[in-house]
C-alpha atoms as a PDB file:
ATOM      1  CA  MET A   1      30.203 -14.800  -0.654  1.00  0.00           C
ATOM      2  CA  SER A   2      31.571 -11.288  -0.152  1.00  0.00           C
ATOM      3  CA  GLN A   3      29.266  -8.473   0.892  1.00  0.00           C
ATOM      4  CA  THR A   4      28.672  -5.329  -1.136  1.00  0.00           C
ATOM      5  CA  GLU A   5      28.785  -2.187   0.986  1.00  0.00           C
ATOM      6  CA  ILE A   6      27.018   0.995  -0.100  1.00  0.00           C
ATOM      7  CA  GLN A   7      26.644   4.386   1.569  1.00  0.00           C
ATOM      8  CA  ARG A   8      24.139   7.076   0.584  1.00  0.00           C
ATOM      9  CA  LYS A   9      22.859  10.314   2.068  1.00  0.00           C
ATOM     10  CA  VAL A  10      19.255   9.264   1.430  1.00  0.00           C
ATOM     11  CA  VAL A  11      17.977   5.697   1.243  1.00  0.00           C
ATOM     12  CA  ILE A  12      14.317   5.099   0.387  1.00  0.00           C
ATOM     13  CA  LEU A  13      12.648   1.795   1.193  1.00  0.00           C
ATOM     14  CA  GLY A  14       9.786   1.146  -1.219  1.00  0.00           C
ATOM     15  CA  SER A  15       9.004   2.240  -4.752  1.00  0.00           C
ATOM     16  CA  GLY A  16       5.303   3.083  -4.806  1.00  0.00           C
ATOM     17  CA  PRO A  17       3.944   6.630  -5.286  1.00  0.00           C
ATOM     18  CA  ALA A  18       5.351   7.783  -1.931  1.00  0.00           C
ATOM     19  CA  GLY A  19       8.813   6.332  -2.380  1.00  0.00           C
ATOM     20  CA  LEU A  20       9.249   7.459  -5.968  1.00  0.00           C
ATOM     21  CA  THR A  21       7.969  10.967  -5.227  1.00  0.00           C
ATOM     22  CA  ALA A  22      10.477  11.160  -2.383  1.00  0.00           C
ATOM     23  CA  ALA A  23      13.128  10.020  -4.852  1.00  0.00           C
ATOM     24  CA  ILE A  24      12.175  12.724  -7.370  1.00  0.00           C
ATOM     25  CA  TYR A  25      12.452  15.462  -4.765  1.00  0.00           C
ATOM     26  CA  ALA A  26      15.636  14.098  -3.189  1.00  0.00           C
ATOM     27  CA  SER A  27      17.367  13.616  -6.539  1.00  0.00           C
ATOM     28  CA  ARG A  28      16.395  17.096  -7.738  1.00  0.00           C
ATOM     29  CA  ALA A  29      18.033  18.365  -4.533  1.00  0.00           C
ATOM     30  CA  GLN A  30      21.182  16.536  -5.719  1.00  0.00           C
ATOM     31  CA  LEU A  31      21.105  14.114  -2.793  1.00  0.00           C
ATOM     32  CA  GLU A  32      21.578  11.104  -5.115  1.00  0.00           C
ATOM     33  CA  PRO A  33      19.058   8.861  -3.345  1.00  0.00           C
ATOM     34  CA  LEU A  34      19.058   5.092  -3.450  1.00  0.00           C
ATOM     35  CA  VAL A  35      15.661   3.410  -3.782  1.00  0.00           C
ATOM     36  CA  VAL A  36      15.407  -0.148  -2.516  1.00  0.00           C
ATOM     37  CA  GLU A  37      12.522  -1.367  -4.629  1.00  0.00           C
ATOM     38  CA  GLY A  38      11.315  -4.161  -2.386  1.00  0.00           C
ATOM     39  CA  PRO A  39       9.239  -7.266  -3.155  1.00  0.00           C
ATOM     40  CA  GLN A  40       6.699  -5.386  -5.293  1.00  0.00           C
ATOM     41  CA  PRO A  41       8.445  -2.686  -7.357  1.00  0.00           C
ATOM     42  CA  GLY A  42       5.972   0.086  -8.086  1.00  0.00           C
ATOM     43  CA  GLY A  43       3.700  -0.798  -5.185  1.00  0.00           C
ATOM     44  CA  GLN A  44       0.003  -1.663  -5.301  1.00  0.00           C
ATOM     45  CA  LEU A  45      -0.651   0.418  -8.429  1.00  0.00           C
ATOM     46  CA  THR A  46       1.197  -2.196 -10.475  1.00  0.00           C
ATOM     47  CA  ILE A  47      -1.775  -4.524  -9.939  1.00  0.00           C
ATOM     48  CA  THR A  48      -4.354  -1.813 -10.666  1.00  0.00           C
ATOM     49  CA  THR A  49      -5.853  -1.403 -14.113  1.00  0.00           C
ATOM     50  CA  ASP A  50      -7.371   2.023 -14.883  1.00  0.00           C
ATOM     51  CA  VAL A  51      -6.387   4.947 -12.654  1.00  0.00           C
ATOM     52  CA  GLU A  52      -8.750   7.865 -13.245  1.00  0.00           C
ATOM     53  CA  ASN A  53      -8.323   9.881 -10.055  1.00  0.00           C
ATOM     54  CA  TYR A  54      -4.667  10.856 -10.343  1.00  0.00           C
ATOM     55  CA  PRO A  55      -4.395  14.492 -11.532  1.00  0.00           C
ATOM     56  CA  GLY A  56      -2.836  15.157 -14.897  1.00  0.00           C
ATOM     57  CA  PHE A  57      -4.321  12.240 -16.812  1.00  0.00           C
ATOM     58  CA  ALA A  58      -7.660  13.394 -18.201  1.00  0.00           C
ATOM     59  CA  GLU A  59      -8.319  10.098 -19.986  1.00  0.00           C
ATOM     60  CA  GLY A  60      -7.010   7.952 -17.146  1.00  0.00           C
ATOM     61  CA  ILE A  61      -3.891   5.813 -17.127  1.00  0.00           C
ATOM     62  CA  MET A  62      -3.070   2.189 -16.390  1.00  0.00           C
ATOM     63  CA  GLY A  63      -1.552   1.670 -12.950  1.00  0.00           C
ATOM     64  CA  PRO A  64       1.655  -0.013 -14.185  1.00  0.00           C
ATOM     65  CA  GLU A  65       2.170   2.735 -16.776  1.00  0.00           C
ATOM     66  CA  LEU A  66       1.764   5.440 -14.145  1.00  0.00           C
ATOM     67  CA  MET A  67       4.408   3.825 -11.962  1.00  0.00           C
ATOM     68  CA  THR A  68       6.712   3.408 -14.954  1.00  0.00           C
ATOM     69  CA  GLN A  69       6.482   7.168 -15.487  1.00  0.00           C
ATOM     70  CA  PHE A  70       7.169   7.819 -11.790  1.00  0.00           C
ATOM     71  CA  ARG A  71      10.282   5.659 -11.989  1.00  0.00           C
ATOM     72  CA  ALA A  72      11.523   7.207 -15.221  1.00  0.00           C
ATOM     73  CA  GLN A  73      11.160  10.693 -13.749  1.00  0.00           C
ATOM     74  CA  ALA A  74      13.139   9.719 -10.663  1.00  0.00           C
ATOM     75  CA  SER A  75      15.816   8.102 -12.849  1.00  0.00           C
ATOM     76  CA  ARG A  76      16.059  11.227 -14.976  1.00  0.00           C
ATOM     77  CA  PHE A  77      17.293  13.207 -11.967  1.00  0.00           C
ATOM     78  CA  GLY A  78      19.821  10.621 -10.867  1.00  0.00           C
ATOM     79  CA  THR A  79      17.981   8.221  -8.554  1.00  0.00           C
ATOM     80  CA  GLU A  80      19.677   4.852  -8.224  1.00  0.00           C
ATOM     81  CA  PHE A  81      17.616   1.671  -7.853  1.00  0.00           C
ATOM     82  CA  LEU A  82      18.516  -1.535  -6.073  1.00  0.00           C
ATOM     83  CA  ASN A  83      16.431  -4.698  -5.824  1.00  0.00           C
ATOM     84  CA  VAL A  84      17.318  -6.556  -2.641  1.00  0.00           C
ATOM     85  CA  TRP A  85      15.305  -7.982   0.221  1.00  0.00           C
ATOM     86  CA  ILE A  86      16.009  -6.034   3.399  1.00  0.00           C
ATOM     87  CA  ASP A  87      16.223  -8.634   6.151  1.00  0.00           C
ATOM     88  CA  LYS A  88      17.048  -6.415   9.145  1.00  0.00           C
ATOM     89  CA  VAL A  89      17.980  -2.864  10.058  1.00  0.00           C
ATOM     90  CA  ASP A  90      20.058  -1.166  12.729  1.00  0.00           C
ATOM     91  CA  LEU A  91      18.740   2.302  13.553  1.00  0.00           C
ATOM     92  CA  SER A  92      20.640   2.642  16.827  1.00  0.00           C
ATOM     93  CA  GLN A  93      23.250   4.979  15.338  1.00  0.00           C
ATOM     94  CA  ARG A  94      23.925   7.029  12.241  1.00  0.00           C
ATOM     95  CA  PRO A  95      24.653   6.148   9.596  1.00  0.00           C
ATOM     96  CA  PHE A  96      21.868   3.593   9.808  1.00  0.00           C
ATOM     97  CA  SER A  97      22.577   0.066   8.582  1.00  0.00           C
ATOM     98  CA  LEU A  98      20.318  -1.989   6.335  1.00  0.00           C
ATOM     99  CA  PHE A  99      21.153  -5.609   5.619  1.00  0.00           C
ATOM    100  CA  GLY A 100      19.944  -7.047   2.319  1.00  0.00           C
ATOM    101  CA  LYS A 101      19.596 -10.518   0.832  1.00  0.00           C
ATOM    102  CA  ALA A 102      19.125 -11.596  -2.773  1.00  0.00           C
ATOM    103  CA  SER A 103      15.580 -12.787  -1.978  1.00  0.00           C
ATOM    104  CA  GLU A 104      13.283 -13.504   0.958  1.00  0.00           C
ATOM    105  CA  ASP A 105      14.269 -17.174   0.891  1.00  0.00           C
ATOM    106  CA  SER A 106      18.015 -16.495   0.869  1.00  0.00           C
ATOM    107  CA  GLU A 107      19.939 -16.936   4.087  1.00  0.00           C
ATOM    108  CA  GLU A 108      23.097 -14.967   3.379  1.00  0.00           C
ATOM    109  CA  ILE A 109      23.393 -11.182   3.687  1.00  0.00           C
ATOM    110  CA  THR A 110      24.852  -9.932   0.412  1.00  0.00           C
ATOM    111  CA  THR A 111      24.447  -6.161   0.739  1.00  0.00           C
ATOM    112  CA  VAL A 112      25.028  -3.728   3.582  1.00  0.00           C
ATOM    113  CA  ILE A 113      23.617  -0.242   3.017  1.00  0.00           C
ATOM    114  CA  LYS A 114      24.669   2.701   5.163  1.00  0.00           C
ATOM    115  CA  ALA A 115      22.168   5.573   5.217  1.00  0.00           C
ATOM    116  CA  ASP A 116      22.595   9.062   6.640  1.00  0.00           C
ATOM    117  CA  THR A 117      18.815   9.401   6.391  1.00  0.00           C
ATOM    118  CA  LEU A 118      16.164   6.771   5.799  1.00  0.00           C
ATOM    119  CA  ILE A 119      12.738   7.259   4.226  1.00  0.00           C
ATOM    120  CA  ILE A 120      10.327   4.393   4.832  1.00  0.00           C
ATOM    121  CA  SER A 121       7.650   4.005   2.161  1.00  0.00           C
ATOM    122  CA  THR A 122       6.989   0.293   2.414  1.00  0.00           C
ATOM    123  CA  GLY A 123       3.234   0.728   2.015  1.00  0.00           C
ATOM    124  CA  ALA A 124       0.433  -1.449   3.304  1.00  0.00           C
ATOM    125  CA  SER A 125      -1.093  -4.603   1.937  1.00  0.00           C
ATOM    126  CA  ALA A 126      -4.809  -5.265   1.760  1.00  0.00           C
ATOM    127  CA  LYS A 127      -5.951  -8.297   3.676  1.00  0.00           C
ATOM    128  CA  TRP A 128      -7.461 -10.842   1.325  1.00  0.00           C
ATOM    129  CA  LEU A 129      -9.704 -13.838   1.794  1.00  0.00           C
ATOM    130  CA  GLY A 130      -7.310 -16.268   0.140  1.00  0.00           C
ATOM    131  CA  ILE A 131      -9.922 -17.733  -2.199  1.00  0.00           C
ATOM    132  CA  PRO A 132      -9.837 -18.749  -5.885  1.00  0.00           C
ATOM    133  CA  GLY A 133     -10.411 -15.915  -8.327  1.00  0.00           C
ATOM    134  CA  GLU A 134      -9.090 -13.275  -5.954  1.00  0.00           C
ATOM    135  CA  GLU A 135      -5.516 -13.319  -7.288  1.00  0.00           C
ATOM    136  CA  PRO A 136      -4.274 -10.388  -9.408  1.00  0.00           C
ATOM    137  CA  VAL A 137      -4.652 -10.625 -13.163  1.00  0.00           C
ATOM    138  CA  PRO A 138      -3.727 -12.566 -15.204  1.00  0.00           C
ATOM    139  CA  VAL A 139      -3.932 -15.446 -12.702  1.00  0.00           C
ATOM    140  CA  GLY A 140      -7.229 -14.306 -11.163  1.00  0.00           C
ATOM    141  CA  LEU A 141      -9.644 -11.385 -11.352  1.00  0.00           C
ATOM    142  CA  GLY A 142      -7.852  -8.963  -9.019  1.00  0.00           C
ATOM    143  CA  GLY A 143      -7.913  -5.597 -10.792  1.00  0.00           C
ATOM    144  CA  ASN A 144     -10.542  -6.914 -13.225  1.00  0.00           C
ATOM    145  CA  GLY A 145     -13.664  -6.703 -11.087  1.00  0.00           C
ATOM    146  CA  VAL A 146     -12.056  -7.499  -7.722  1.00  0.00           C
ATOM    147  CA  SER A 147     -10.792  -4.644  -5.562  1.00  0.00           C
ATOM    148  CA  ALA A 148      -9.871  -3.737  -1.998  1.00  0.00           C
ATOM    149  CA  CYS A 149     -10.504  -0.015  -2.435  1.00  0.00           C
ATOM    150  CA  ALA A 150     -13.984   1.363  -3.150  1.00  0.00           C
ATOM    151  CA  THR A 151     -12.693   4.942  -3.241  1.00  0.00           C
ATOM    152  CA  CYS A 152     -10.213   3.937  -5.940  1.00  0.00           C
ATOM    153  CA  ASP A 153     -12.438   1.741  -8.101  1.00  0.00           C
ATOM    154  CA  GLY A 154     -16.094   2.385  -7.252  1.00  0.00           C
ATOM    155  CA  PHE A 155     -16.458   4.717 -10.226  1.00  0.00           C
ATOM    156  CA  PHE A 156     -15.969   1.781 -12.624  1.00  0.00           C
ATOM    157  CA  PHE A 157     -19.109   0.054 -11.322  1.00  0.00           C
ATOM    158  CA  ARG A 158     -21.706   2.631 -12.252  1.00  0.00           C
ATOM    159  CA  GLY A 159     -25.093   0.962 -12.675  1.00  0.00           C
ATOM    160  CA  ARG A 160     -23.720  -2.484 -11.840  1.00  0.00           C
ATOM    161  CA  PRO A 161     -24.411  -4.778  -8.848  1.00  0.00           C
ATOM    162  CA  VAL A 162     -21.501  -5.391  -6.482  1.00  0.00           C
ATOM    163  CA  VAL A 163     -20.690  -7.502  -3.444  1.00  0.00           C
ATOM    164  CA  ILE A 164     -18.673  -6.229  -0.503  1.00  0.00           C
ATOM    165  CA  VAL A 165     -17.165  -8.534   2.118  1.00  0.00           C
ATOM    166  CA  GLY A 166     -16.521  -7.428   5.694  1.00  0.00           C
ATOM    167  CA  GLY A 167     -18.111  -6.382   8.961  1.00  0.00           C
ATOM    168  CA  GLY A 168     -16.100  -3.500  10.386  1.00  0.00           C
ATOM    169  CA  ASP A 169     -16.191   0.257   9.915  1.00  0.00           C
ATOM    170  CA  THR A 170     -14.160  -0.024   6.713  1.00  0.00           C
ATOM    171  CA  ALA A 171     -16.754  -2.342   5.184  1.00  0.00           C
ATOM    172  CA  MET A 172     -19.578  -0.009   6.227  1.00  0.00           C
ATOM    173  CA  GLU A 173     -17.819   3.045   4.780  1.00  0.00           C
ATOM    174  CA  GLU A 174     -17.033   1.275   1.524  1.00  0.00           C
ATOM    175  CA  ALA A 175     -20.562  -0.110   1.189  1.00  0.00           C
ATOM    176  CA  LEU A 176     -22.063   3.348   1.670  1.00  0.00           C
ATOM    177  CA  PHE A 177     -19.596   4.856  -0.800  1.00  0.00           C
ATOM    178  CA  LEU A 178     -20.425   2.236  -3.420  1.00  0.00           C
ATOM    179  CA  THR A 179     -24.144   3.109  -3.297  1.00  0.00           C
ATOM    180  CA  ARG A 180     -23.225   6.284  -5.192  1.00  0.00           C
ATOM    181  CA  PHE A 181     -22.323   4.194  -8.222  1.00  0.00           C
ATOM    182  CA  ALA A 182     -23.570   0.613  -8.026  1.00  0.00           C
ATOM    183  CA  SER A 183     -27.142  -0.368  -8.849  1.00  0.00           C
ATOM    184  CA  LYS A 184     -27.160  -2.571  -5.751  1.00  0.00           C
ATOM    185  CA  VAL A 185     -24.690  -3.337  -2.957  1.00  0.00           C
ATOM    186  CA  THR A 186     -24.819  -6.710  -1.222  1.00  0.00           C
ATOM    187  CA  LEU A 187     -22.862  -6.747   2.017  1.00  0.00           C
ATOM    188  CA  MET A 188     -21.767 -10.239   3.035  1.00  0.00           C
ATOM    189  CA  HIS A 189     -20.538 -11.018   6.532  1.00  0.00           C
ATOM    190  CA  ARG A 190     -19.560 -14.375   7.992  1.00  0.00           C
ATOM    191  CA  ARG A 191     -21.170 -13.648  11.363  1.00  0.00           C
ATOM    192  CA  ASP A 192     -24.701 -12.659  12.476  1.00  0.00           C
ATOM    193  CA  SER A 193     -23.669  -9.189  13.652  1.00  0.00           C
ATOM    194  CA  PHE A 194     -21.244  -6.466  12.618  1.00  0.00           C
ATOM    195  CA  ARG A 195     -18.279  -5.308  14.686  1.00  0.00           C
ATOM    196  CA  ALA A 196     -18.549  -1.796  13.199  1.00  0.00           C
ATOM    197  CA  SER A 197     -19.513   1.223  15.287  1.00  0.00           C
ATOM    198  CA  LYS A 198     -23.249   1.681  15.897  1.00  0.00           C
ATOM    199  CA  ILE A 199     -23.476   4.902  13.896  1.00  0.00           C
ATOM    200  CA  MET A 200     -21.947   3.231  10.833  1.00  0.00           C
ATOM    201  CA  GLN A 201     -24.229   0.215  11.195  1.00  0.00           C
ATOM    202  CA  ASP A 202     -27.285   2.458  11.445  1.00  0.00           C
ATOM    203  CA  ARG A 203     -26.335   4.229   8.228  1.00  0.00           C
ATOM    204  CA  VAL A 204     -25.966   0.926   6.412  1.00  0.00           C
ATOM    205  CA  PHE A 205     -29.267  -0.450   7.750  1.00  0.00           C
ATOM    206  CA  ALA A 206     -31.037   2.729   6.643  1.00  0.00           C
ATOM    207  CA  ASN A 207     -29.725   2.634   3.074  1.00  0.00           C
ATOM    208  CA  GLU A 208     -32.218   0.991   0.708  1.00  0.00           C
ATOM    209  CA  LYS A 209     -29.533   0.134  -1.849  1.00  0.00           C
ATOM    210  CA  ILE A 210     -27.696  -2.137   0.604  1.00  0.00           C
ATOM    211  CA  GLU A 211     -28.786  -5.727   1.222  1.00  0.00           C
ATOM    212  CA  ILE A 212     -27.122  -7.747   3.959  1.00  0.00           C
ATOM    213  CA  PHE A 213     -26.313 -11.451   3.848  1.00  0.00           C
ATOM    214  CA  TRP A 214     -25.567 -12.687   7.376  1.00  0.00           C
ATOM    215  CA  ASN A 215     -23.562 -15.828   8.173  1.00  0.00           C
ATOM    216  CA  THR A 216     -22.257 -15.809   4.625  1.00  0.00           C
ATOM    217  CA  GLU A 217     -18.753 -16.707   3.505  1.00  0.00           C
ATOM    218  CA  VAL A 218     -17.479 -16.008  -0.005  1.00  0.00           C
ATOM    219  CA  LYS A 219     -15.660 -19.140  -1.140  1.00  0.00           C
ATOM    220  CA  GLU A 220     -14.775 -18.337  -4.747  1.00  0.00           C
ATOM    221  CA  ILE A 221     -14.964 -15.449  -7.216  1.00  0.00           C
ATOM    222  CA  LEU A 222     -16.241 -16.458 -10.633  1.00  0.00           C
ATOM    223  CA  GLY A 223     -15.673 -14.884 -14.022  1.00  0.00           C
ATOM    224  CA  THR A 224     -13.386 -14.662 -17.019  1.00  0.00           C
ATOM    225  CA  LYS A 225     -10.640 -12.396 -18.271  1.00  0.00           C
ATOM    226  CA  GLU A 226     -12.975 -11.108 -20.986  1.00  0.00           C
ATOM    227  CA  GLU A 227     -16.131 -10.617 -18.896  1.00  0.00           C
ATOM    228  CA  GLY A 228     -14.578  -9.809 -15.549  1.00  0.00           C
ATOM    229  CA  VAL A 229     -16.496 -10.918 -12.465  1.00  0.00           C
ATOM    230  CA  THR A 230     -19.779 -12.731 -13.085  1.00  0.00           C
ATOM    231  CA  GLY A 231     -20.594 -14.051  -9.622  1.00  0.00           C
ATOM    232  CA  VAL A 232     -19.428 -15.525  -6.324  1.00  0.00           C
ATOM    233  CA  LYS A 233     -19.753 -18.931  -4.759  1.00  0.00           C
ATOM    234  CA  ILE A 234     -21.073 -18.447  -1.221  1.00  0.00           C
ATOM    235  CA  TYR A 235     -21.596 -20.630   1.816  1.00  0.00           C
ATOM    236  CA  ASN A 236     -24.196 -20.003   4.524  1.00  0.00           C
ATOM    237  CA  ASN A 237     -22.519 -21.298   7.669  1.00  0.00           C
ATOM    238  CA  GLU A 238     -25.821 -21.385   9.589  1.00  0.00           C
ATOM    239  CA  GLU A 239     -27.889 -23.266   7.019  1.00  0.00           C
ATOM    240  CA  LYS A 240     -24.826 -25.230   5.816  1.00  0.00           C
ATOM    241  CA  GLU A 241     -25.756 -24.482   2.225  1.00  0.00           C
ATOM    242  CA  GLU A 242     -23.650 -23.465  -0.765  1.00  0.00           C
ATOM    243  CA  SER A 243     -24.982 -21.408  -3.675  1.00  0.00           C
ATOM    244  CA  LEU A 244     -24.022 -19.076  -6.510  1.00  0.00           C
ATOM    245  CA  PHE A 245     -24.734 -15.369  -6.335  1.00  0.00           C
ATOM    246  CA  PRO A 246     -24.524 -13.240  -9.505  1.00  0.00           C
ATOM    247  CA  THR A 247     -22.583  -9.974  -9.312  1.00  0.00           C
ATOM    248  CA  GLN A 248     -20.297  -7.850 -11.463  1.00  0.00           C
ATOM    249  CA  GLY A 249     -17.868  -6.671  -8.819  1.00  0.00           C
ATOM    250  CA  VAL A 250     -16.373  -7.836  -5.522  1.00  0.00           C
ATOM    251  CA  PHE A 251     -14.832  -5.528  -2.924  1.00  0.00           C
ATOM    252  CA  ILE A 252     -12.859  -7.058  -0.077  1.00  0.00           C
ATOM    253  CA  ALA A 253     -13.016  -4.812   3.012  1.00  0.00           C
ATOM    254  CA  ILE A 254     -11.475  -6.793   5.838  1.00  0.00           C
ATOM    255  CA  GLY A 255      -8.675  -4.348   6.553  1.00  0.00           C
ATOM    256  CA  HIS A 256      -5.098  -3.488   5.616  1.00  0.00           C
ATOM    257  CA  LYS A 257      -1.782  -4.453   7.157  1.00  0.00           C
ATOM    258  CA  PRO A 258       1.105  -1.972   6.968  1.00  0.00           C
ATOM    259  CA  ASN A 259       4.388  -3.476   5.809  1.00  0.00           C
ATOM    260  CA  THR A 260       6.322  -2.358   8.872  1.00  0.00           C
ATOM    261  CA  GLU A 261       7.290  -5.601  10.633  1.00  0.00           C
ATOM    262  CA  LEU A 262      10.940  -4.745   9.997  1.00  0.00           C
ATOM    263  CA  PHE A 263      10.694  -1.819  12.418  1.00  0.00           C
ATOM    264  CA  LYS A 264       8.689  -3.399  15.217  1.00  0.00           C
ATOM    265  CA  GLY A 265      10.134  -2.504  18.599  1.00  0.00           C
ATOM    266  CA  VAL A 266      12.307   0.216  17.066  1.00  0.00           C
ATOM    267  CA  LEU A 267       9.943   2.804  15.614  1.00  0.00           C
ATOM    268  CA  GLU A 268       6.755   3.969  17.270  1.00  0.00           C
ATOM    269  CA  MET A 269       3.622   2.591  15.632  1.00  0.00           C
ATOM    270  CA  ASP A 270      -0.053   2.206  16.472  1.00  0.00           C
ATOM    271  CA  ASP A 271      -1.768  -1.033  17.471  1.00  0.00           C
ATOM    272  CA  VAL A 272      -2.180  -2.093  13.837  1.00  0.00           C
ATOM    273  CA  GLY A 273       1.409  -1.298  12.852  1.00  0.00           C
ATOM    274  CA  TYR A 274       1.132   2.066  11.093  1.00  0.00           C
ATOM    275  CA  LEU A 275       4.223   4.180  11.798  1.00  0.00           C
ATOM    276  CA  LYS A 276       3.665   7.296  13.877  1.00  0.00           C
ATOM    277  CA  THR A 277       4.994  10.621  12.609  1.00  0.00           C
ATOM    278  CA  GLU A 278       5.406  13.913  14.450  1.00  0.00           C
ATOM    279  CA  GLY A 279       2.798  16.617  13.898  1.00  0.00           C
ATOM    280  CA  ARG A 280       2.661  17.811  10.300  1.00  0.00           C
ATOM    281  CA  THR A 281       6.062  16.316   9.469  1.00  0.00           C
ATOM    282  CA  MET A 282       7.112  12.855   8.336  1.00  0.00           C
ATOM    283  CA  LYS A 283       9.587  12.502  11.216  1.00  0.00           C
ATOM    284  CA  THR A 284       9.510   9.294  13.246  1.00  0.00           C
ATOM    285  CA  ASN A 285      10.750   8.946  16.815  1.00  0.00           C
ATOM    286  CA  VAL A 286      14.273   8.206  15.510  1.00  0.00           C
ATOM    287  CA  PRO A 287      16.016  11.375  14.229  1.00  0.00           C
ATOM    288  CA  GLY A 288      16.916  10.979  10.563  1.00  0.00           C
ATOM    289  CA  VAL A 289      14.230   8.362   9.881  1.00  0.00           C
ATOM    290  CA  PHE A 290      11.077   9.456   8.055  1.00  0.00           C
ATOM    291  CA  ALA A 291       7.909   7.584   7.081  1.00  0.00           C
ATOM    292  CA  CYS A 292       5.462   8.308   4.277  1.00  0.00           C
ATOM    293  CA  GLY A 293       2.672   6.770   2.231  1.00  0.00           C
ATOM    294  CA  ASP A 294       0.519   3.888   3.384  1.00  0.00           C
ATOM    295  CA  ALA A 295       3.140   2.751   5.901  1.00  0.00           C
ATOM    296  CA  GLN A 296       2.001   5.681   8.062  1.00  0.00           C
ATOM    297  CA  ASP A 297      -1.391   6.618   6.613  1.00  0.00           C
ATOM    298  CA  SER A 298      -4.275   4.468   7.818  1.00  0.00           C
ATOM    299  CA  TYR A 299      -6.951   6.966   6.799  1.00  0.00           C
ATOM    300  CA  TYR A 300      -6.685   8.189   3.192  1.00  0.00           C
ATOM    301  CA  ARG A 301      -4.644   5.445   1.481  1.00  0.00           C
ATOM    302  CA  GLN A 302      -4.687   7.108  -1.948  1.00  0.00           C
ATOM    303  CA  ALA A 303      -1.917   7.388  -4.534  1.00  0.00           C
ATOM    304  CA  ILE A 304      -2.118  11.175  -4.543  1.00  0.00           C
ATOM    305  CA  THR A 305      -1.880  11.491  -0.750  1.00  0.00           C
ATOM    306  CA  ALA A 306       0.976   8.979  -0.678  1.00  0.00           C
ATOM    307  CA  ALA A 307       2.839  11.060  -3.253  1.00  0.00           C
ATOM    308  CA  GLY A 308       2.251  14.180  -1.160  1.00  0.00           C
ATOM    309  CA  THR A 309       3.739  12.613   1.953  1.00  0.00           C
ATOM    310  CA  GLY A 310       6.667  11.340  -0.135  1.00  0.00           C
ATOM    311  CA  CYS A 311       7.399  14.941  -1.091  1.00  0.00           C
ATOM    312  CA  MET A 312       7.211  15.966   2.576  1.00  0.00           C
ATOM    313  CA  ALA A 313       9.539  13.163   3.683  1.00  0.00           C
ATOM    314  CA  ALA A 314      12.159  14.155   1.104  1.00  0.00           C
ATOM    315  CA  ILE A 315      12.054  17.791   2.197  1.00  0.00           C
ATOM    316  CA  ASP A 316      12.287  16.726   5.841  1.00  0.00           C
ATOM    317  CA  ALA A 317      15.305  14.543   5.002  1.00  0.00           C
ATOM    318  CA  GLU A 318      16.987  17.355   3.065  1.00  0.00           C
ATOM    319  CA  ARG A 319      16.557  19.762   5.976  1.00  0.00           C
ATOM    320  CA  PHE A 320      17.866  17.159   8.400  1.00  0.00           C
ATOM    321  CA  LEU A 321      20.992  16.710   6.290  1.00  0.00           C
ATOM    322  CA  VAL A 322      21.571  20.462   6.170  1.00  0.00           C
ATOM    323  CA  GLU A 323      21.307  20.653   9.955  1.00  0.00           C
ATOM    324  CA  HIS A 324      23.739  17.742  10.373  1.00  0.00           C
ATOM    325  CA  VAL A 325      26.128  18.539   7.506  1.00  0.00           C
ATOM    326  CA  ALA A 326      29.315  18.153   9.582  1.00  0.00           C
ATOM    327  CA  GLU A 327      28.251  14.727  10.817  1.00  0.00           C
ATOM    328  CA  VAL A 328      27.315  13.579   7.321  1.00  0.00           C
ATOM    329  CA  GLU A 329      30.647  14.740   5.875  1.00  0.00           C
ATOM    330  CA  LYS A 330      32.470  12.820   8.590  1.00  0.00           C
ATOM    331  CA  ASN A 331      30.471   9.679   7.836  1.00  0.00           C
ATOM    332  CA  THR A 332      31.064  10.015   4.106  1.00  0.00           C
ATOM    333  CA  SER A 333      34.832  10.205   4.598  1.00  0.00           C
ATOM    334  CA  THR A 334      34.873   6.950   6.562  1.00  0.00           C
ATOM    335  CA  ASN A 335      35.727   3.760   4.700  1.00  0.00           C
ATOM    336  CA  TRP A 336      33.039   1.224   5.409  1.00  0.00           C
END
């Protein structure tokens, strides 16, 4: 099979809020960006139901609809979209090379993309328990009572009991945040002690709205499409007993994993895998490569902050291209 070869001034990996915002800014600057949509076009918001904390939508908006509007706006200004699976990259020289396959399971490289600048917005994926009922709707209850982001979805559980699963600082922070809305927060942890910092543990222990279930594993999330979550099936690994626990919401807080494996050993990243950027810019350690959104943000992880960094990455890329205009023109005139 012959390979398709493409060259663009700006290539954006990922099509969540960060990637599509970068596309809007780059296309309005007449840079004609190419967005490689990736395995989940639209990012995590496509599996989110109501979004009420994104400015401009007073009545809220469904996650998939919001991302459809992002994409349409980028398209309006000339953004091109391509759906391939990027199997490997070569960032050793400019233009950078990205090698794409038809799907993850394919073996043959079908597309070679040459990029004068690269914006990485591949996002991060929540770690899940891998249990029945956890899957995104319509298969399971994900987005319909099951969440991995208390800051995003806690508001929907006002006056309702919820369960949170985890034992680290993230679980402590999310449990404390949920006490602002939920009638009761039950924190379930599979061990008999937390791994969170002492100060976070102390705050949880001192909060009367939080009850802790030690040595408890959540085995299944129960409910229906119409009712949402109604309970969880739990297993006490000390008593060796299984039981049902009623609840109206489940928050999984066992961490996130940035989708940056493709750049391991090439771009600087922290111990978890979040890409490092320089100062207040979106520059990585490779000139001409920029990172934005949840691929580099381990702290806020919100749609609005991702969009903001997408804007910054596009402006950084535009300025880079201006500074290297002679090099870019030379690359563009080469027949790949």
